[in-house]
Amino acid sequence: MEYLQKSDSFEVFLDRLNEVLAPHFPAIPANPPRHDSCQIVGLPRSGTTVLFQLLARTGSVGYPSNVMAPYWRVPVVGARLQRQLTLGQPTVSLRSVAGRTSEPLDPHEFGYFWRNALGHSGNTLRPDGEGWSWERLQSALDAMCEAFDAPTVHKNFLALHHAPEMRRHLHRSKFLVLARDPRDVAASLWMVRREIHVPDEETFGTDPGWRGTTNLLDRIIEQVEALEQARRELVEHDCGDTLVVDYRELCRSPRDVIHQVLEFIGADPSDEALRRVPPTLSEGQGRAAAPTPVVDKINHSLVGGSS
């Protein structure tokens, strides 16, 4: 699969679709909120997509899918359509390329929603504009949970920066934080860029704000350092709302890990749901698959381990 840019004409179509629907479907929950909204956060290539897919596959949580994604300004519309299509048993392929999925009910990062809600014009770590009020965001999250009648899970890299404010202003919000050795993350980022032909000058994944570095591997190392620092700060300030998920453990024992996650977010870890999770998974690319010069530089530049 190549790294493809989005079509301008499709962007115009999505804008018109949402403009027409937005006045008719305000995000106001009809009932008192009962479920949590959960943010999956971590570094690119750290297992966030795998965790997202596995949770979606259980049918025990709500989540934005490719079907729901176009309705980013009226997420309750997309959520209700999606729930009607799944009937509690979504068909999730467990396939993706660089975080992007292809099947209609596969999980989607819901980037338009989160970038607009949190004030980002792109996938930058820090905002560069004005986002929604916290009251508006809370209403939208509660409305999605109500539409799914379940805890709703989002894959949201932007939450690395916004976690302190989210903790202060949002209710019923939890964080699922992936932990993977930063050196393997850097090696995997380098390899996936080569595999799907991302131009060297383009940012891939969350952009921490470059400091003038032009060499691609140096930029990847800088990116990993900045995001890992933000990830650690989120974990260090845990208020009982955070669960750290170890990437290797997720691959070795996915059913046990998913059972733990479902209990943490208040979902039903039923035997039927857990049977939809594979008993084991293969670990993604890391340093073992990267060229020796790349690995040597990564090992020299980055500190290993994660928490």
C-alpha atoms as a PDB file:
ATOM      1  CA  MET A   1       0.000   0.000   0.000  1.00  0.00           C
ATOM      2  CA  GLU A   2       1.252   3.479  -0.867  1.00  0.00           C
ATOM      3  CA  TYR A   3       1.028   6.533   1.346  1.00  0.00           C
ATOM      4  CA  LEU A   4      -1.903   8.357  -0.288  1.00  0.00           C
ATOM      5  CA  GLN A   5      -3.030  11.923   0.082  1.00  0.00           C
ATOM      6  CA  LYS A   6      -6.740  12.626   0.527  1.00  0.00           C
ATOM      7  CA  SER A   7      -8.840  13.864  -2.363  1.00  0.00           C
ATOM      8  CA  ASP A   8      -9.772  17.561  -2.267  1.00  0.00           C
ATOM      9  CA  SER A   9     -13.161  16.834  -3.802  1.00  0.00           C
ATOM     10  CA  PHE A  10     -13.942  14.275  -1.101  1.00  0.00           C
ATOM     11  CA  GLU A  11     -12.968  16.809   1.571  1.00  0.00           C
ATOM     12  CA  VAL A  12     -15.519  19.245   0.090  1.00  0.00           C
ATOM     13  CA  PHE A  13     -18.139  16.497   0.099  1.00  0.00           C
ATOM     14  CA  LEU A  14     -17.513  15.728   3.776  1.00  0.00           C
ATOM     15  CA  ASP A  15     -17.720  19.399   4.714  1.00  0.00           C
ATOM     16  CA  ARG A  16     -21.095  19.772   2.969  1.00  0.00           C
ATOM     17  CA  LEU A  17     -22.429  16.545   4.494  1.00  0.00           C
ATOM     18  CA  ASN A  18     -21.608  17.685   8.012  1.00  0.00           C
ATOM     19  CA  GLU A  19     -22.850  21.233   7.491  1.00  0.00           C
ATOM     20  CA  VAL A  20     -26.249  19.934   6.410  1.00  0.00           C
ATOM     21  CA  LEU A  21     -26.610  17.432   9.251  1.00  0.00           C
ATOM     22  CA  ALA A  22     -25.150  19.402  12.166  1.00  0.00           C
ATOM     23  CA  PRO A  23     -28.171  21.663  12.890  1.00  0.00           C
ATOM     24  CA  HIS A  24     -30.517  18.679  13.000  1.00  0.00           C
ATOM     25  CA  PHE A  25     -28.532  16.423  15.356  1.00  0.00           C
ATOM     26  CA  PRO A  26     -27.185  18.380  18.336  1.00  0.00           C
ATOM     27  CA  ALA A  27     -25.016  16.295  20.652  1.00  0.00           C
ATOM     28  CA  ILE A  28     -27.294  16.399  23.682  1.00  0.00           C
ATOM     29  CA  PRO A  29     -27.653  13.074  25.523  1.00  0.00           C
ATOM     30  CA  ALA A  30     -31.250  12.247  26.351  1.00  0.00           C
ATOM     31  CA  ASN A  31     -30.382  10.243  29.466  1.00  0.00           C
ATOM     32  CA  PRO A  32     -27.969  10.666  32.389  1.00  0.00           C
ATOM     33  CA  PRO A  33     -24.507   9.431  31.310  1.00  0.00           C
ATOM     34  CA  ARG A  34     -23.635   5.907  32.455  1.00  0.00           C
ATOM     35  CA  HIS A  35     -20.453   5.010  30.579  1.00  0.00           C
ATOM     36  CA  ASP A  36     -16.835   6.167  30.291  1.00  0.00           C
ATOM     37  CA  SER A  37     -15.050   7.546  27.252  1.00  0.00           C
ATOM     38  CA  CYS A  38     -11.582   6.047  26.944  1.00  0.00           C
ATOM     39  CA  GLN A  39      -8.533   7.395  25.115  1.00  0.00           C
ATOM     40  CA  ILE A  40      -5.944   4.975  23.732  1.00  0.00           C
ATOM     41  CA  VAL A  41      -2.687   6.903  23.695  1.00  0.00           C
ATOM     42  CA  GLY A  42       0.968   6.192  23.044  1.00  0.00           C
ATOM     43  CA  LEU A  43       3.614   6.532  20.376  1.00  0.00           C
ATOM     44  CA  PRO A  44       3.068   5.602  16.728  1.00  0.00           C
ATOM     45  CA  ARG A  45       4.040   1.938  16.204  1.00  0.00           C
ATOM     46  CA  SER A  46       3.609   1.119  19.897  1.00  0.00           C
ATOM     47  CA  GLY A  47       0.512  -1.084  19.609  1.00  0.00           C
ATOM     48  CA  THR A  48      -2.251   1.514  19.808  1.00  0.00           C
ATOM     49  CA  THR A  49      -3.932   0.226  16.640  1.00  0.00           C
ATOM     50  CA  VAL A  50      -3.757  -3.410  17.789  1.00  0.00           C
ATOM     51  CA  LEU A  51      -5.370  -2.586  21.132  1.00  0.00           C
ATOM     52  CA  PHE A  52      -8.032  -0.494  19.397  1.00  0.00           C
ATOM     53  CA  GLN A  53      -8.862  -3.309  16.965  1.00  0.00           C
ATOM     54  CA  LEU A  54      -9.019  -5.999  19.644  1.00  0.00           C
ATOM     55  CA  LEU A  55     -11.333  -3.972  21.869  1.00  0.00           C
ATOM     56  CA  ALA A  56     -13.597  -3.198  18.918  1.00  0.00           C
ATOM     57  CA  ARG A  57     -13.687  -6.860  17.923  1.00  0.00           C
ATOM     58  CA  THR A  58     -15.082  -7.936  21.299  1.00  0.00           C
ATOM     59  CA  GLY A  59     -18.326  -6.081  20.641  1.00  0.00           C
ATOM     60  CA  SER A  60     -18.214  -4.856  24.252  1.00  0.00           C
ATOM     61  CA  VAL A  61     -17.356  -1.213  23.505  1.00  0.00           C
ATOM     62  CA  GLY A  62     -18.375   1.597  21.229  1.00  0.00           C
ATOM     63  CA  TYR A  63     -15.734   2.961  18.872  1.00  0.00           C
ATOM     64  CA  PRO A  64     -15.481   5.169  15.765  1.00  0.00           C
ATOM     65  CA  SER A  65     -15.359   3.019  12.637  1.00  0.00           C
ATOM     66  CA  ASN A  66     -14.787   3.784   8.964  1.00  0.00           C
ATOM     67  CA  VAL A  67     -18.586   3.946   8.665  1.00  0.00           C
ATOM     68  CA  MET A  68     -18.822   6.505  11.469  1.00  0.00           C
ATOM     69  CA  ALA A  69     -15.778   8.596  10.480  1.00  0.00           C
ATOM     70  CA  PRO A  70     -17.460  10.868   7.861  1.00  0.00           C
ATOM     71  CA  TYR A  71     -19.909  12.155  10.476  1.00  0.00           C
ATOM     72  CA  TRP A  72     -17.280  13.831  12.615  1.00  0.00           C
ATOM     73  CA  ARG A  73     -19.415  16.926  13.369  1.00  0.00           C
ATOM     74  CA  VAL A  74     -22.453  14.781  14.132  1.00  0.00           C
ATOM     75  CA  PRO A  75     -20.857  11.688  15.687  1.00  0.00           C
ATOM     76  CA  VAL A  76     -24.127  10.552  17.234  1.00  0.00           C
ATOM     77  CA  VAL A  77     -25.470  10.010  13.680  1.00  0.00           C
ATOM     78  CA  GLY A  78     -22.506   7.845  12.740  1.00  0.00           C
ATOM     79  CA  ALA A  79     -22.659   5.978  16.041  1.00  0.00           C
ATOM     80  CA  ARG A  80     -26.326   5.092  15.627  1.00  0.00           C
ATOM     81  CA  LEU A  81     -25.811   3.933  12.033  1.00  0.00           C
ATOM     82  CA  GLN A  82     -22.814   1.875  13.066  1.00  0.00           C
ATOM     83  CA  ARG A  83     -24.618   0.224  15.958  1.00  0.00           C
ATOM     84  CA  GLN A  84     -27.493  -0.720  13.685  1.00  0.00           C
ATOM     85  CA  LEU A  85     -25.061  -2.336  11.249  1.00  0.00           C
ATOM     86  CA  THR A  86     -23.093  -4.284  13.864  1.00  0.00           C
ATOM     87  CA  LEU A  87     -25.886  -5.522  16.161  1.00  0.00           C
ATOM     88  CA  GLY A  88     -23.202  -5.844  18.835  1.00  0.00           C
ATOM     89  CA  GLN A  89     -20.985  -8.128  16.729  1.00  0.00           C
ATOM     90  CA  PRO A  90     -18.725  -5.943  14.563  1.00  0.00           C
ATOM     91  CA  THR A  91     -16.693  -7.563  11.816  1.00  0.00           C
ATOM     92  CA  VAL A  92     -13.198  -6.264  12.541  1.00  0.00           C
ATOM     93  CA  SER A  93     -10.449  -7.533  10.260  1.00  0.00           C
ATOM     94  CA  LEU A  94      -7.400  -6.971  12.525  1.00  0.00           C
ATOM     95  CA  ARG A  95      -5.564  -5.730   9.426  1.00  0.00           C
ATOM     96  CA  SER A  96      -4.080  -2.282   8.986  1.00  0.00           C
ATOM     97  CA  VAL A  97      -1.291  -0.446   7.213  1.00  0.00           C
ATOM     98  CA  ALA A  98       0.377   2.285   9.277  1.00  0.00           C
ATOM     99  CA  GLY A  99      -2.715   2.566  11.462  1.00  0.00           C
ATOM    100  CA  ARG A 100      -5.171   2.782   8.565  1.00  0.00           C
ATOM    101  CA  THR A 101      -7.871   0.129   8.236  1.00  0.00           C
ATOM    102  CA  SER A 102      -9.938  -0.756   5.188  1.00  0.00           C
ATOM    103  CA  GLU A 103     -13.096  -2.648   6.202  1.00  0.00           C
ATOM    104  CA  PRO A 104     -16.259  -0.586   6.901  1.00  0.00           C
ATOM    105  CA  LEU A 105     -16.534  -1.572  10.560  1.00  0.00           C
ATOM    106  CA  ASP A 106     -12.798  -1.491  11.277  1.00  0.00           C
ATOM    107  CA  PRO A 107     -11.776   1.158  13.845  1.00  0.00           C
ATOM    108  CA  HIS A 108     -10.960   4.666  12.633  1.00  0.00           C
ATOM    109  CA  GLU A 109      -8.851   7.295  14.432  1.00  0.00           C
ATOM    110  CA  PHE A 110     -11.612   9.915  14.028  1.00  0.00           C
ATOM    111  CA  GLY A 111      -8.968  12.538  13.377  1.00  0.00           C
ATOM    112  CA  TYR A 112     -11.272  15.322  12.120  1.00  0.00           C
ATOM    113  CA  PHE A 113     -13.321  15.114  15.290  1.00  0.00           C
ATOM    114  CA  TRP A 114     -10.381  15.204  17.692  1.00  0.00           C
ATOM    115  CA  ARG A 115      -8.363  17.804  15.799  1.00  0.00           C
ATOM    116  CA  ASN A 116     -11.318  20.189  15.721  1.00  0.00           C
ATOM    117  CA  ALA A 117     -12.386  19.468  19.285  1.00  0.00           C
ATOM    118  CA  LEU A 118      -8.883  20.054  20.680  1.00  0.00           C
ATOM    119  CA  GLY A 119      -7.758  22.888  18.384  1.00  0.00           C
ATOM    120  CA  HIS A 120      -5.320  21.279  15.936  1.00  0.00           C
ATOM    121  CA  SER A 121      -5.028  21.994  12.226  1.00  0.00           C
ATOM    122  CA  GLY A 122      -2.987  18.801  11.775  1.00  0.00           C
ATOM    123  CA  ASN A 123      -1.385  15.959  13.707  1.00  0.00           C
ATOM    124  CA  THR A 124       0.700  18.249  15.877  1.00  0.00           C
ATOM    125  CA  LEU A 125       1.442  17.408  19.487  1.00  0.00           C
ATOM    126  CA  ARG A 126       0.461  20.903  20.611  1.00  0.00           C
ATOM    127  CA  PRO A 127      -2.628  22.835  19.456  1.00  0.00           C
ATOM    128  CA  ASP A 128      -2.335  25.723  17.022  1.00  0.00           C
ATOM    129  CA  GLY A 129      -5.927  26.962  17.177  1.00  0.00           C
ATOM    130  CA  GLU A 130      -9.012  27.171  19.347  1.00  0.00           C
ATOM    131  CA  GLY A 131     -10.898  24.006  20.110  1.00  0.00           C
ATOM    132  CA  TRP A 132     -14.386  23.347  21.390  1.00  0.00           C
ATOM    133  CA  SER A 133     -15.536  24.237  24.876  1.00  0.00           C
ATOM    134  CA  TRP A 134     -15.121  21.404  27.335  1.00  0.00           C
ATOM    135  CA  GLU A 135     -18.895  21.385  27.841  1.00  0.00           C
ATOM    136  CA  ARG A 136     -19.433  20.794  24.120  1.00  0.00           C
ATOM    137  CA  LEU A 137     -16.852  18.016  24.012  1.00  0.00           C
ATOM    138  CA  GLN A 138     -18.332  16.382  27.116  1.00  0.00           C
ATOM    139  CA  SER A 139     -21.787  16.409  25.524  1.00  0.00           C
ATOM    140  CA  ALA A 140     -20.457  14.864  22.320  1.00  0.00           C
ATOM    141  CA  LEU A 141     -18.641  12.088  24.200  1.00  0.00           C
ATOM    142  CA  ASP A 142     -21.681  11.358  26.372  1.00  0.00           C
ATOM    143  CA  ALA A 143     -23.933  11.266  23.306  1.00  0.00           C
ATOM    144  CA  MET A 144     -21.666   8.717  21.625  1.00  0.00           C
ATOM    145  CA  CYS A 145     -21.631   6.528  24.735  1.00  0.00           C
ATOM    146  CA  GLU A 146     -25.419   6.743  24.882  1.00  0.00           C
ATOM    147  CA  ALA A 147     -25.763   5.818  21.192  1.00  0.00           C
ATOM    148  CA  PHE A 148     -23.562   2.742  21.695  1.00  0.00           C
ATOM    149  CA  ASP A 149     -24.918   2.060  25.219  1.00  0.00           C
ATOM    150  CA  ALA A 150     -21.378   1.100  26.197  1.00  0.00           C
ATOM    151  CA  PRO A 151     -18.017   2.600  27.137  1.00  0.00           C
ATOM    152  CA  THR A 152     -16.619   4.210  23.995  1.00  0.00           C
ATOM    153  CA  VAL A 153     -12.972   3.856  23.025  1.00  0.00           C
ATOM    154  CA  HIS A 154     -10.964   6.309  20.909  1.00  0.00           C
ATOM    155  CA  LYS A 155      -7.430   6.116  19.559  1.00  0.00           C
ATOM    156  CA  ASN A 156      -6.258   9.638  20.246  1.00  0.00           C
ATOM    157  CA  PHE A 157      -2.576  10.633  19.986  1.00  0.00           C
ATOM    158  CA  LEU A 158      -3.485  14.265  20.712  1.00  0.00           C
ATOM    159  CA  ALA A 159      -4.483  13.309  24.257  1.00  0.00           C
ATOM    160  CA  LEU A 160      -0.777  13.033  25.105  1.00  0.00           C
ATOM    161  CA  HIS A 161      -0.706  16.828  25.315  1.00  0.00           C
ATOM    162  CA  HIS A 162      -4.255  17.479  26.522  1.00  0.00           C
ATOM    163  CA  ALA A 163      -4.444  14.873  29.309  1.00  0.00           C
ATOM    164  CA  PRO A 164      -4.053  17.368  32.195  1.00  0.00           C
ATOM    165  CA  GLU A 165      -6.936  19.518  30.916  1.00  0.00           C
ATOM    166  CA  MET A 166      -9.031  16.485  30.050  1.00  0.00           C
ATOM    167  CA  ARG A 167      -8.569  15.247  33.596  1.00  0.00           C
ATOM    168  CA  ARG A 168      -9.712  18.592  35.005  1.00  0.00           C
ATOM    169  CA  HIS A 169     -12.667  19.264  32.746  1.00  0.00           C
ATOM    170  CA  LEU A 170     -14.078  15.949  31.505  1.00  0.00           C
ATOM    171  CA  HIS A 171     -16.010  13.425  33.568  1.00  0.00           C
ATOM    172  CA  ARG A 172     -16.051   9.649  33.069  1.00  0.00           C
ATOM    173  CA  SER A 173     -12.789   9.781  31.091  1.00  0.00           C
ATOM    174  CA  LYS A 174     -10.026   7.157  31.195  1.00  0.00           C
ATOM    175  CA  PHE A 175      -6.665   6.605  29.489  1.00  0.00           C
ATOM    176  CA  LEU A 176      -5.245   3.384  28.077  1.00  0.00           C
ATOM    177  CA  VAL A 177      -1.514   4.022  27.614  1.00  0.00           C
ATOM    178  CA  LEU A 178       0.623   1.745  25.446  1.00  0.00           C
ATOM    179  CA  ALA A 179       4.197   1.077  26.533  1.00  0.00           C
ATOM    180  CA  ARG A 180       6.805  -0.196  24.067  1.00  0.00           C
ATOM    181  CA  ASP A 181      10.591   0.178  24.035  1.00  0.00           C
ATOM    182  CA  PRO A 182      11.220   3.546  22.325  1.00  0.00           C
ATOM    183  CA  ARG A 183      14.102   2.031  20.353  1.00  0.00           C
ATOM    184  CA  ASP A 184      11.769  -0.499  18.744  1.00  0.00           C
ATOM    185  CA  VAL A 185       9.260   2.287  18.086  1.00  0.00           C
ATOM    186  CA  ALA A 186      11.928   4.318  16.259  1.00  0.00           C
ATOM    187  CA  ALA A 187      13.069   1.345  14.192  1.00  0.00           C
ATOM    188  CA  SER A 188       9.488   0.485  13.266  1.00  0.00           C
ATOM    189  CA  LEU A 189       8.785   4.091  12.245  1.00  0.00           C
ATOM    190  CA  TRP A 190      11.853   4.132  10.020  1.00  0.00           C
ATOM    191  CA  MET A 191      10.869   0.847   8.317  1.00  0.00           C
ATOM    192  CA  VAL A 192       7.180   1.591   7.766  1.00  0.00           C
ATOM    193  CA  ARG A 193       8.029   4.918   6.149  1.00  0.00           C
ATOM    194  CA  ARG A 194      10.232   3.071   3.688  1.00  0.00           C
ATOM    195  CA  GLU A 195       7.653   0.335   3.049  1.00  0.00           C
ATOM    196  CA  ILE A 196       4.771   2.661   2.160  1.00  0.00           C
ATOM    197  CA  HIS A 197       6.995   5.306   0.550  1.00  0.00           C
ATOM    198  CA  VAL A 198       6.353   8.293   2.787  1.00  0.00           C
ATOM    199  CA  PRO A 199       8.411  11.219   1.433  1.00  0.00           C
ATOM    200  CA  ASP A 200      11.313  12.018   3.762  1.00  0.00           C
ATOM    201  CA  GLU A 201      10.255  15.648   4.096  1.00  0.00           C
ATOM    202  CA  GLU A 202       6.754  14.747   5.323  1.00  0.00           C
ATOM    203  CA  THR A 203       5.766  14.187   8.926  1.00  0.00           C
ATOM    204  CA  PHE A 204       4.417  10.715   9.625  1.00  0.00           C
ATOM    205  CA  GLY A 205       2.514  10.307  12.864  1.00  0.00           C
ATOM    206  CA  THR A 206       2.309  12.939  15.585  1.00  0.00           C
ATOM    207  CA  ASP A 207       4.501  15.973  14.899  1.00  0.00           C
ATOM    208  CA  PRO A 208       6.213  17.289  18.065  1.00  0.00           C
ATOM    209  CA  GLY A 209       7.529  20.393  16.268  1.00  0.00           C
ATOM    210  CA  TRP A 210      10.877  19.904  14.599  1.00  0.00           C
ATOM    211  CA  ARG A 211      13.917  21.877  15.706  1.00  0.00           C
ATOM    212  CA  GLY A 212      15.432  22.237  12.254  1.00  0.00           C
ATOM    213  CA  THR A 213      16.640  18.642  11.914  1.00  0.00           C
ATOM    214  CA  THR A 214      16.763  17.547   8.268  1.00  0.00           C
ATOM    215  CA  ASN A 215      18.123  13.983   8.440  1.00  0.00           C
ATOM    216  CA  LEU A 216      15.202  11.547   8.490  1.00  0.00           C
ATOM    217  CA  LEU A 217      16.528   9.205  11.179  1.00  0.00           C
ATOM    218  CA  ASP A 218      17.465  12.163  13.395  1.00  0.00           C
ATOM    219  CA  ARG A 219      13.921  13.484  13.005  1.00  0.00           C
ATOM    220  CA  ILE A 220      12.434  10.096  13.922  1.00  0.00           C
ATOM    221  CA  ILE A 221      14.630   9.927  17.029  1.00  0.00           C
ATOM    222  CA  GLU A 222      13.605  13.465  18.003  1.00  0.00           C
ATOM    223  CA  GLN A 223       9.958  12.584  17.404  1.00  0.00           C
ATOM    224  CA  VAL A 224      10.169   9.484  19.602  1.00  0.00           C
ATOM    225  CA  GLU A 225      11.978  11.361  22.399  1.00  0.00           C
ATOM    226  CA  ALA A 226       9.347  14.106  22.537  1.00  0.00           C
ATOM    227  CA  LEU A 227       6.360  11.777  22.423  1.00  0.00           C
ATOM    228  CA  GLU A 228       7.846   9.348  24.941  1.00  0.00           C
ATOM    229  CA  GLN A 229       8.376  12.209  27.383  1.00  0.00           C
ATOM    230  CA  ALA A 230       4.731  13.249  26.997  1.00  0.00           C
ATOM    231  CA  ARG A 231       3.604   9.645  27.442  1.00  0.00           C
ATOM    232  CA  ARG A 232       5.610   9.235  30.631  1.00  0.00           C
ATOM    233  CA  GLU A 233       4.217  12.472  32.064  1.00  0.00           C
ATOM    234  CA  LEU A 234       0.672  11.227  31.452  1.00  0.00           C
ATOM    235  CA  VAL A 235       1.425   8.009  33.369  1.00  0.00           C
ATOM    236  CA  GLU A 236       3.279   9.788  36.197  1.00  0.00           C
ATOM    237  CA  HIS A 237       0.225  11.952  36.904  1.00  0.00           C
ATOM    238  CA  ASP A 238      -2.201   9.038  37.036  1.00  0.00           C
ATOM    239  CA  CYS A 239      -5.312   9.876  39.057  1.00  0.00           C
ATOM    240  CA  GLY A 240      -6.660   6.348  39.057  1.00  0.00           C
ATOM    241  CA  ASP A 241      -7.885   6.943  35.502  1.00  0.00           C
ATOM    242  CA  THR A 242      -4.948   5.331  33.687  1.00  0.00           C
ATOM    243  CA  LEU A 243      -4.073   1.770  32.720  1.00  0.00           C
ATOM    244  CA  VAL A 244      -0.662   1.052  31.184  1.00  0.00           C
ATOM    245  CA  VAL A 245      -0.736  -1.724  28.577  1.00  0.00           C
ATOM    246  CA  ASP A 246       2.593  -3.369  27.799  1.00  0.00           C
ATOM    247  CA  TYR A 247       2.939  -4.046  24.083  1.00  0.00           C
ATOM    248  CA  ARG A 248       4.816  -7.328  24.451  1.00  0.00           C
ATOM    249  CA  GLU A 249       2.327  -8.642  26.986  1.00  0.00           C
ATOM    250  CA  LEU A 250      -0.521  -7.641  24.669  1.00  0.00           C
ATOM    251  CA  CYS A 251       1.052  -9.770  21.921  1.00  0.00           C
ATOM    252  CA  ARG A 252       1.836 -12.719  24.217  1.00  0.00           C
ATOM    253  CA  SER A 253      -1.529 -12.876  26.030  1.00  0.00           C
ATOM    254  CA  PRO A 254      -4.078 -10.710  24.223  1.00  0.00           C
ATOM    255  CA  ARG A 255      -7.102 -12.326  25.856  1.00  0.00           C
ATOM    256  CA  ASP A 256      -5.796 -11.734  29.373  1.00  0.00           C
ATOM    257  CA  VAL A 257      -4.865  -8.136  28.583  1.00  0.00           C
ATOM    258  CA  ILE A 258      -8.194  -7.371  26.890  1.00  0.00           C
ATOM    259  CA  HIS A 259     -10.045  -8.906  29.856  1.00  0.00           C
ATOM    260  CA  GLN A 260      -8.133  -6.554  32.169  1.00  0.00           C
ATOM    261  CA  VAL A 261      -8.804  -3.532  29.957  1.00  0.00           C
ATOM    262  CA  LEU A 262     -12.526  -4.261  29.641  1.00  0.00           C
ATOM    263  CA  GLU A 263     -12.863  -4.536  33.412  1.00  0.00           C
ATOM    264  CA  PHE A 264     -10.929  -1.284  33.884  1.00  0.00           C
ATOM    265  CA  ILE A 265     -13.199   0.709  31.562  1.00  0.00           C
ATOM    266  CA  GLY A 266     -16.402  -0.787  32.945  1.00  0.00           C
ATOM    267  CA  ALA A 267     -17.306  -3.049  30.020  1.00  0.00           C
ATOM    268  CA  ASP A 268     -18.465  -6.653  30.156  1.00  0.00           C
ATOM    269  CA  PRO A 269     -15.534  -9.100  29.725  1.00  0.00           C
ATOM    270  CA  SER A 270     -17.783 -12.012  28.785  1.00  0.00           C
ATOM    271  CA  ASP A 271     -16.403 -15.337  27.569  1.00  0.00           C
ATOM    272  CA  GLU A 272     -18.119 -14.795  24.230  1.00  0.00           C
ATOM    273  CA  ALA A 273     -16.441 -11.427  23.783  1.00  0.00           C
ATOM    274  CA  LEU A 274     -13.013 -12.772  24.712  1.00  0.00           C
ATOM    275  CA  ARG A 275     -13.316 -15.685  22.275  1.00  0.00           C
ATOM    276  CA  ARG A 276     -13.242 -13.124  19.463  1.00  0.00           C
ATOM    277  CA  VAL A 277      -9.713 -12.180  20.544  1.00  0.00           C
ATOM    278  CA  PRO A 278      -6.837 -14.309  19.143  1.00  0.00           C
ATOM    279  CA  PRO A 279      -4.925 -16.321  21.781  1.00  0.00           C
ATOM    280  CA  THR A 280      -1.591 -14.841  20.646  1.00  0.00           C
ATOM    281  CA  LEU A 281      -0.322 -12.179  18.238  1.00  0.00           C
ATOM    282  CA  SER A 282       2.943 -11.670  16.410  1.00  0.00           C
ATOM    283  CA  GLU A 283       5.000  -8.698  17.524  1.00  0.00           C
ATOM    284  CA  GLY A 284       5.376  -5.991  14.917  1.00  0.00           C
ATOM    285  CA  GLN A 285       8.653  -4.861  13.451  1.00  0.00           C
ATOM    286  CA  GLY A 286      11.316  -3.572  15.789  1.00  0.00           C
ATOM    287  CA  ARG A 287      15.074  -3.312  15.887  1.00  0.00           C
ATOM    288  CA  ALA A 288      15.529  -6.972  14.967  1.00  0.00           C
ATOM    289  CA  ALA A 289      14.234  -6.270  11.450  1.00  0.00           C
ATOM    290  CA  ALA A 290      15.996  -2.939  10.825  1.00  0.00           C
ATOM    291  CA  PRO A 291      19.360  -2.416   9.065  1.00  0.00           C
ATOM    292  CA  THR A 292      22.378  -2.495  11.382  1.00  0.00           C
ATOM    293  CA  PRO A 293      23.427   1.167  10.849  1.00  0.00           C
ATOM    294  CA  VAL A 294      19.895   2.319  11.709  1.00  0.00           C
ATOM    295  CA  VAL A 295      19.806   0.155  14.839  1.00  0.00           C
ATOM    296  CA  ASP A 296      23.244   1.322  15.956  1.00  0.00           C
ATOM    297  CA  LYS A 297      22.248   4.976  15.750  1.00  0.00           C
ATOM    298  CA  ILE A 298      18.933   4.371  17.514  1.00  0.00           C
ATOM    299  CA  ASN A 299      20.617   2.422  20.322  1.00  0.00           C
ATOM    300  CA  HIS A 300      23.190   5.195  20.731  1.00  0.00           C
ATOM    301  CA  SER A 301      20.552   7.971  20.796  1.00  0.00           C
ATOM    302  CA  LEU A 302      17.595   6.548  22.737  1.00  0.00           C
ATOM    303  CA  VAL A 303      17.227   5.120  26.205  1.00  0.00           C
ATOM    304  CA  GLY A 304      15.487   1.761  26.272  1.00  0.00           C
ATOM    305  CA  GLY A 305      12.650   0.553  28.431  1.00  0.00           C
ATOM    306  CA  SER A 306       9.202   2.029  29.034  1.00  0.00           C
ATOM    307  CA  SER A 307       6.647   2.196  31.795  1.00  0.00           C
END
